Each structure stands twice: as C-alpha cells, then as structure tokens.
Amino acid sequence: MTRPTATAALLIDDDRTRVTRFTFGPGAETGWHQHGFDYVITAITDCEMLLQNPDGSEHTTTITAGDAYRRAAGVHHNVINAGKSEMVFIEIEIK
C-alpha cells in the first residue's frame, strides 16, 4: 500500500538539538527510519498514531494535544496517521 508522506519542517538544527515539525494528512506516514538520538515528541494536535516495527508488529496510540513522550536513540519504526484529521507534532532530538 502506498501512502502519502508526512512533511517535515526543520525548525532548529544546532550542535545540541534538532527540532522538527511533522505534519501528516490522514493516512500519511514518515516512512521507515531509525532515530540516531534520544528524542521527545510534543503533540500539537491530537495524534492517533499507528506505529509499525521491523519485526512486523504494530500498535496504535493516541497522544493528546499538548502531551509529550520521550524515547531513546535506536528506535526503528514507521509512524502513520491513523486518524481522520491532520496530525501535527514537534520532535526534539537531543544530540
């Protein structure tokens, strides 16, 4: 299945952090990627995410607008907007 690609707008990229705003239309995905740094996600809109893992497993989660979560470097996944509305979050990578 071919999905539209989420858009990434680089907001800050310096020696300490990289900050990117991701915008997903319904059904859009990041594509497979592996995180090279620890990171924090802050939801700008309610985010209904389908997370696919390399082992074939997947799960859904909802991050409410204004909430945040963090993950360690090394995460490898594909993130898909599983909702019916645009999904936007800010990702802050700690270099």
Protein backbone atom coordinates (compact mmCIF):
# COMPACT_ATOMS: atom_id res chain seq x y z
CA MET A 1 0.00 0.00 0.00
CA THR A 2 1.39 3.39 -0.98
CA ARG A 3 0.70 6.17 1.49
CA PRO A 4 1.32 9.91 1.23
CA THR A 5 4.44 11.11 3.04
CA ALA A 6 4.32 13.36 6.08
CA THR A 7 6.06 16.71 5.70
CA ALA A 8 8.97 17.66 7.92
CA ALA A 9 9.88 21.29 8.58
CA LEU A 10 13.27 21.74 10.23
CA LEU A 11 12.95 24.49 12.84
CA ILE A 12 16.31 24.31 14.67
CA ASP A 13 19.47 22.33 13.95
CA ASP A 14 22.49 23.28 16.03
CA ASP A 15 25.24 21.47 17.92
CA ARG A 16 22.90 20.49 20.81
CA THR A 17 19.41 19.90 19.36
CA ARG A 18 17.39 19.32 16.22
CA VAL A 19 13.74 20.44 16.28
CA THR A 20 11.38 19.35 13.50
CA ARG A 21 7.65 19.89 12.98
CA PHE A 22 5.95 16.90 11.34
CA THR A 23 2.58 17.31 9.61
CA PHE A 24 0.58 14.29 8.46
CA GLY A 25 -2.58 14.26 6.41
CA PRO A 26 -4.91 11.35 7.17
CA GLY A 27 -3.11 8.11 6.28
CA ALA A 28 0.28 9.80 5.75
CA GLU A 29 3.46 8.17 7.04
CA THR A 30 7.04 9.08 7.91
CA GLY A 31 8.46 6.07 6.14
CA TRP A 32 10.83 3.65 7.85
CA HIS A 33 13.52 5.41 9.87
CA GLN A 34 15.84 4.83 12.81
CA HIS A 35 16.45 7.51 15.43
CA GLY A 36 20.10 8.37 15.94
CA PHE A 37 19.45 10.48 19.05
CA ASP A 38 17.26 10.42 22.15
CA TYR A 39 14.13 12.41 21.35
CA VAL A 40 10.98 13.99 22.74
CA ILE A 41 7.69 14.32 20.85
CA THR A 42 5.14 17.01 21.79
CA ALA A 43 1.72 16.72 20.16
CA ILE A 44 0.35 19.93 18.65
CA THR A 45 -2.91 18.23 17.62
CA ASP A 46 -4.44 15.05 18.95
CA CYS A 47 -2.32 12.35 17.30
CA GLU A 48 -3.77 8.92 16.52
CA MET A 49 -0.63 7.02 15.56
CA LEU A 50 -0.15 3.59 14.07
CA LEU A 51 3.42 2.51 14.84
CA GLN A 52 4.93 -0.26 12.72
CA ASN A 53 8.03 -2.14 13.92
CA PRO A 54 10.64 -4.04 11.90
CA ASP A 55 9.52 -7.37 13.38
CA GLY A 56 6.11 -6.89 11.74
CA SER A 57 4.31 -5.94 14.94
CA GLU A 58 2.30 -2.75 15.14
CA HIS A 59 0.26 -0.89 17.68
CA THR A 60 -1.83 2.24 17.90
CA THR A 61 -1.57 5.01 20.43
CA THR A 62 -3.23 8.37 20.90
CA ILE A 63 -1.22 11.33 22.13
CA THR A 64 -3.46 14.19 23.23
CA ALA A 65 -2.60 17.72 22.04
CA GLY A 66 -0.14 19.24 24.49
CA ASP A 67 1.13 15.90 25.82
CA ALA A 68 4.66 14.62 25.28
CA TYR A 69 6.67 11.40 25.41
CA ARG A 70 10.34 10.51 25.04
CA ARG A 71 12.25 7.61 23.53
CA ALA A 72 15.87 6.54 23.45
CA ALA A 73 18.12 6.56 20.42
CA GLY A 74 17.90 3.46 18.24
CA VAL A 75 14.12 3.28 17.82
CA HIS A 76 13.35 1.93 14.33
CA HIS A 77 9.79 2.32 13.07
CA ASN A 78 7.27 3.79 10.63
CA VAL A 79 4.73 6.27 12.01
CA ILE A 80 1.32 6.56 10.30
CA ASN A 81 -1.54 8.96 10.95
CA ALA A 82 -4.34 6.53 11.80
CA GLY A 83 -6.87 9.32 12.37
CA LYS A 84 -9.25 11.17 10.07
CA SER A 85 -7.78 14.64 10.75
CA GLU A 86 -4.42 16.28 10.18
CA MET A 87 -1.84 15.25 12.78
CA VAL A 88 1.00 17.57 13.86
CA PHE A 89 3.78 17.07 16.39
CA ILE A 90 7.14 18.59 17.24
CA GLU A 91 10.15 16.29 17.58
CA ILE A 92 13.13 17.45 19.62
CA GLU A 93 16.28 15.38 19.18
CA ILE A 94 18.99 15.72 21.82
CA LYS A 95 22.41 15.45 20.24
